[in-house]
Amino acid sequence: MLVLSRKIEESILIGENIEIKILDVTGDKVQIGITAPKEVTVLRSELKETIEENKSSATGASKDLLQELFGKK
């Protein structure tokens, strides 16, 4: 993991077309701005984990429902 220190209004560039800019630091919270092409998905990690958990639960629930409907348990 690369660890960098930045001050307010300073940026980090990833490749040629992704910029992460520090907008504000208040207490233990940091506000960042991300500029990236529309085709680049930007998600908070906890949101991605929730999506993956929901997909997994839905798949498991679907299997259980099918097994119940067709009497195969």
N, C-alpha and C. Protein backbone atom coordinates (compact mmCIF):
# COMPACT_ATOMS: atom_id res chain seq x y z
N MET A 1 0.85 -1.18 0.00
CA MET A 1 0.00 0.00 0.00
C MET A 1 0.89 1.24 0.00
N LEU A 2 0.61 2.13 -0.87
CA LEU A 2 1.30 3.42 -0.93
C LEU A 2 0.57 4.39 0.00
N VAL A 3 1.30 5.04 0.89
CA VAL A 3 0.72 6.00 1.82
C VAL A 3 1.29 7.37 1.50
N LEU A 4 0.41 8.32 1.23
CA LEU A 4 0.81 9.68 0.90
C LEU A 4 0.16 10.67 1.86
N SER A 5 0.84 11.76 2.14
CA SER A 5 0.25 12.84 2.93
C SER A 5 -0.08 13.98 1.98
N ARG A 6 -1.25 14.57 2.15
CA ARG A 6 -1.69 15.69 1.33
C ARG A 6 -2.33 16.73 2.21
N LYS A 7 -2.26 17.97 1.80
CA LYS A 7 -2.93 19.07 2.50
C LYS A 7 -4.18 19.44 1.70
N ILE A 8 -5.04 20.25 2.33
CA ILE A 8 -6.25 20.72 1.64
C ILE A 8 -5.87 21.37 0.32
N GLU A 9 -6.64 21.04 -0.70
CA GLU A 9 -6.47 21.51 -2.09
C GLU A 9 -5.34 20.81 -2.85
N GLU A 10 -4.62 19.88 -2.21
CA GLU A 10 -3.61 19.12 -2.92
C GLU A 10 -4.25 17.86 -3.50
N SER A 11 -3.64 17.32 -4.55
CA SER A 11 -4.23 16.19 -5.27
C SER A 11 -3.27 15.03 -5.39
N ILE A 12 -3.85 13.90 -5.73
CA ILE A 12 -3.11 12.70 -6.11
C ILE A 12 -3.64 12.30 -7.47
N LEU A 13 -2.76 11.99 -8.40
CA LEU A 13 -3.16 11.56 -9.73
C LEU A 13 -2.95 10.07 -9.87
N ILE A 14 -3.93 9.40 -10.44
CA ILE A 14 -3.82 7.97 -10.74
C ILE A 14 -3.94 7.84 -12.25
N GLY A 15 -2.88 7.41 -12.87
CA GLY A 15 -2.86 7.38 -14.33
C GLY A 15 -2.94 8.80 -14.86
N GLU A 16 -3.52 8.92 -16.03
CA GLU A 16 -3.62 10.24 -16.66
C GLU A 16 -4.96 10.92 -16.46
N ASN A 17 -5.97 10.16 -16.01
CA ASN A 17 -7.30 10.75 -16.00
C ASN A 17 -8.10 10.57 -14.71
N ILE A 18 -7.44 10.20 -13.61
CA ILE A 18 -8.13 10.11 -12.32
C ILE A 18 -7.39 11.00 -11.33
N GLU A 19 -8.14 11.91 -10.71
CA GLU A 19 -7.57 12.83 -9.73
C GLU A 19 -8.35 12.72 -8.43
N ILE A 20 -7.64 12.60 -7.33
CA ILE A 20 -8.24 12.60 -6.00
C ILE A 20 -7.73 13.84 -5.29
N LYS A 21 -8.66 14.70 -4.89
CA LYS A 21 -8.30 15.99 -4.29
C LYS A 21 -8.84 16.08 -2.87
N ILE A 22 -8.00 16.55 -1.96
CA ILE A 22 -8.42 16.75 -0.57
C ILE A 22 -9.17 18.08 -0.51
N LEU A 23 -10.44 18.02 -0.10
CA LEU A 23 -11.27 19.22 -0.07
C LEU A 23 -11.33 19.85 1.32
N ASP A 24 -11.38 19.00 2.36
CA ASP A 24 -11.52 19.53 3.71
C ASP A 24 -11.10 18.47 4.72
N VAL A 25 -10.58 18.90 5.83
CA VAL A 25 -10.26 18.01 6.94
C VAL A 25 -10.84 18.65 8.19
N THR A 26 -11.77 17.94 8.83
CA THR A 26 -12.41 18.43 10.04
C THR A 26 -12.39 17.31 11.07
N GLY A 27 -11.64 17.47 12.12
CA GLY A 27 -11.54 16.41 13.14
C GLY A 27 -10.98 15.15 12.51
N ASP A 28 -11.75 14.06 12.63
CA ASP A 28 -11.29 12.78 12.08
C ASP A 28 -11.92 12.47 10.72
N LYS A 29 -12.53 13.48 10.08
CA LYS A 29 -13.16 13.28 8.78
C LYS A 29 -12.41 14.03 7.68
N VAL A 30 -12.27 13.36 6.56
CA VAL A 30 -11.61 13.95 5.40
C VAL A 30 -12.60 13.93 4.24
N GLN A 31 -12.80 15.07 3.61
CA GLN A 31 -13.63 15.13 2.41
C GLN A 31 -12.72 15.11 1.21
N ILE A 32 -13.02 14.20 0.28
CA ILE A 32 -12.23 14.13 -0.94
C ILE A 32 -13.13 14.31 -2.14
N GLY A 33 -12.55 14.80 -3.21
CA GLY A 33 -13.24 14.91 -4.49
C GLY A 33 -12.53 14.00 -5.47
N ILE A 34 -13.30 13.29 -6.28
CA ILE A 34 -12.71 12.38 -7.26
C ILE A 34 -13.18 12.79 -8.65
N THR A 35 -12.22 13.02 -9.53
CA THR A 35 -12.52 13.30 -10.92
C THR A 35 -12.04 12.10 -11.72
N ALA A 36 -12.97 11.45 -12.41
CA ALA A 36 -12.64 10.26 -13.18
C ALA A 36 -13.59 10.15 -14.37
N PRO A 37 -13.19 9.44 -15.41
CA PRO A 37 -14.08 9.24 -16.55
C PRO A 37 -15.36 8.51 -16.12
N LYS A 38 -16.45 8.72 -16.84
CA LYS A 38 -17.73 8.10 -16.50
C LYS A 38 -17.66 6.58 -16.48
N GLU A 39 -16.80 6.00 -17.30
CA GLU A 39 -16.74 4.53 -17.36
C GLU A 39 -16.01 3.91 -16.18
N VAL A 40 -15.42 4.73 -15.31
CA VAL A 40 -14.74 4.24 -14.11
C VAL A 40 -15.74 4.25 -12.96
N THR A 41 -15.95 3.07 -12.36
CA THR A 41 -16.86 2.97 -11.22
C THR A 41 -16.12 3.39 -9.96
N VAL A 42 -16.76 4.27 -9.19
CA VAL A 42 -16.19 4.72 -7.92
C VAL A 42 -17.20 4.39 -6.83
N LEU A 43 -16.82 3.49 -5.90
CA LEU A 43 -17.71 3.08 -4.82
C LEU A 43 -16.97 3.13 -3.49
N ARG A 44 -17.70 3.44 -2.43
CA ARG A 44 -17.14 3.28 -1.09
C ARG A 44 -16.99 1.78 -0.84
N SER A 45 -15.94 1.37 -0.16
CA SER A 45 -15.69 -0.06 0.04
C SER A 45 -16.84 -0.75 0.79
N GLU A 46 -17.42 -0.07 1.78
CA GLU A 46 -18.51 -0.71 2.52
C GLU A 46 -19.75 -0.90 1.66
N LEU A 47 -19.96 -0.03 0.68
CA LEU A 47 -21.09 -0.20 -0.23
C LEU A 47 -20.85 -1.40 -1.14
N LYS A 48 -19.64 -1.57 -1.62
CA LYS A 48 -19.31 -2.72 -2.46
C LYS A 48 -19.51 -4.01 -1.67
N GLU A 49 -19.08 -4.04 -0.42
CA GLU A 49 -19.25 -5.23 0.42
C GLU A 49 -20.74 -5.54 0.61
N THR A 50 -21.56 -4.52 0.84
CA THR A 50 -22.99 -4.72 1.00
C THR A 50 -23.61 -5.29 -0.26
N ILE A 51 -23.22 -4.75 -1.42
CA ILE A 51 -23.73 -5.25 -2.70
C ILE A 51 -23.37 -6.72 -2.88
N GLU A 52 -22.11 -7.07 -2.59
CA GLU A 52 -21.67 -8.46 -2.73
C GLU A 52 -22.41 -9.38 -1.77
N GLU A 53 -22.64 -8.93 -0.54
CA GLU A 53 -23.38 -9.74 0.43
C GLU A 53 -24.82 -9.94 -0.04
N ASN A 54 -25.44 -8.89 -0.58
CA ASN A 54 -26.81 -9.00 -1.06
C ASN A 54 -26.90 -9.96 -2.24
N LYS A 55 -25.93 -9.91 -3.14
CA LYS A 55 -25.92 -10.83 -4.27
C LYS A 55 -25.79 -12.27 -3.78
N SER A 56 -24.91 -12.48 -2.81
CA SER A 56 -24.70 -13.81 -2.26
C SER A 56 -25.96 -14.32 -1.57
N SER A 57 -26.60 -13.46 -0.79
CA SER A 57 -27.83 -13.84 -0.09
C SER A 57 -28.94 -14.15 -1.08
N ALA A 58 -29.05 -13.32 -2.12
CA ALA A 58 -30.09 -13.52 -3.12
C ALA A 58 -29.88 -14.84 -3.86
N THR A 59 -28.65 -15.15 -4.18
CA THR A 59 -28.35 -16.40 -4.86
C THR A 59 -28.70 -17.59 -3.97
N GLY A 60 -28.31 -17.52 -2.69
CA GLY A 60 -28.62 -18.58 -1.75
C GLY A 60 -30.12 -18.73 -1.55
N ALA A 61 -30.82 -17.61 -1.43
CA ALA A 61 -32.27 -17.64 -1.24
C ALA A 61 -32.95 -18.22 -2.48
N SER A 62 -32.46 -17.88 -3.66
CA SER A 62 -33.04 -18.40 -4.90
C SER A 62 -32.87 -19.91 -4.97
N LYS A 63 -31.69 -20.41 -4.60
CA LYS A 63 -31.46 -21.85 -4.61
C LYS A 63 -32.40 -22.55 -3.64
N ASP A 64 -32.51 -21.98 -2.42
CA ASP A 64 -33.40 -22.58 -1.42
C ASP A 64 -34.84 -22.60 -1.90
N LEU A 65 -35.28 -21.52 -2.52
CA LEU A 65 -36.65 -21.43 -3.02
C LEU A 65 -36.89 -22.47 -4.11
N LEU A 66 -35.96 -22.59 -5.03
CA LEU A 66 -36.09 -23.58 -6.10
C LEU A 66 -36.13 -25.00 -5.54
N GLN A 67 -35.26 -25.27 -4.57
CA GLN A 67 -35.25 -26.60 -3.96
C GLN A 67 -36.56 -26.88 -3.25
N GLU A 68 -37.10 -25.86 -2.58
CA GLU A 68 -38.37 -26.01 -1.88
C GLU A 68 -39.51 -26.25 -2.87
N LEU A 69 -39.52 -25.48 -3.95
CA LEU A 69 -40.58 -25.62 -4.94
C LEU A 69 -40.58 -26.99 -5.62
N PHE A 70 -39.39 -27.49 -5.86
CA PHE A 70 -39.27 -28.76 -6.58
C PHE A 70 -39.03 -29.94 -5.64
N GLY A 71 -39.10 -29.72 -4.34
CA GLY A 71 -39.00 -30.79 -3.37
C GLY A 71 -37.64 -31.46 -3.31
N LYS A 72 -36.60 -30.74 -3.65
CA LYS A 72 -35.25 -31.33 -3.63
C LYS A 72 -34.43 -30.63 -2.57
N LYS A 73 -34.38 -31.18 -1.40
CA LYS A 73 -33.57 -30.59 -0.33
C LYS A 73 -32.50 -31.52 0.11
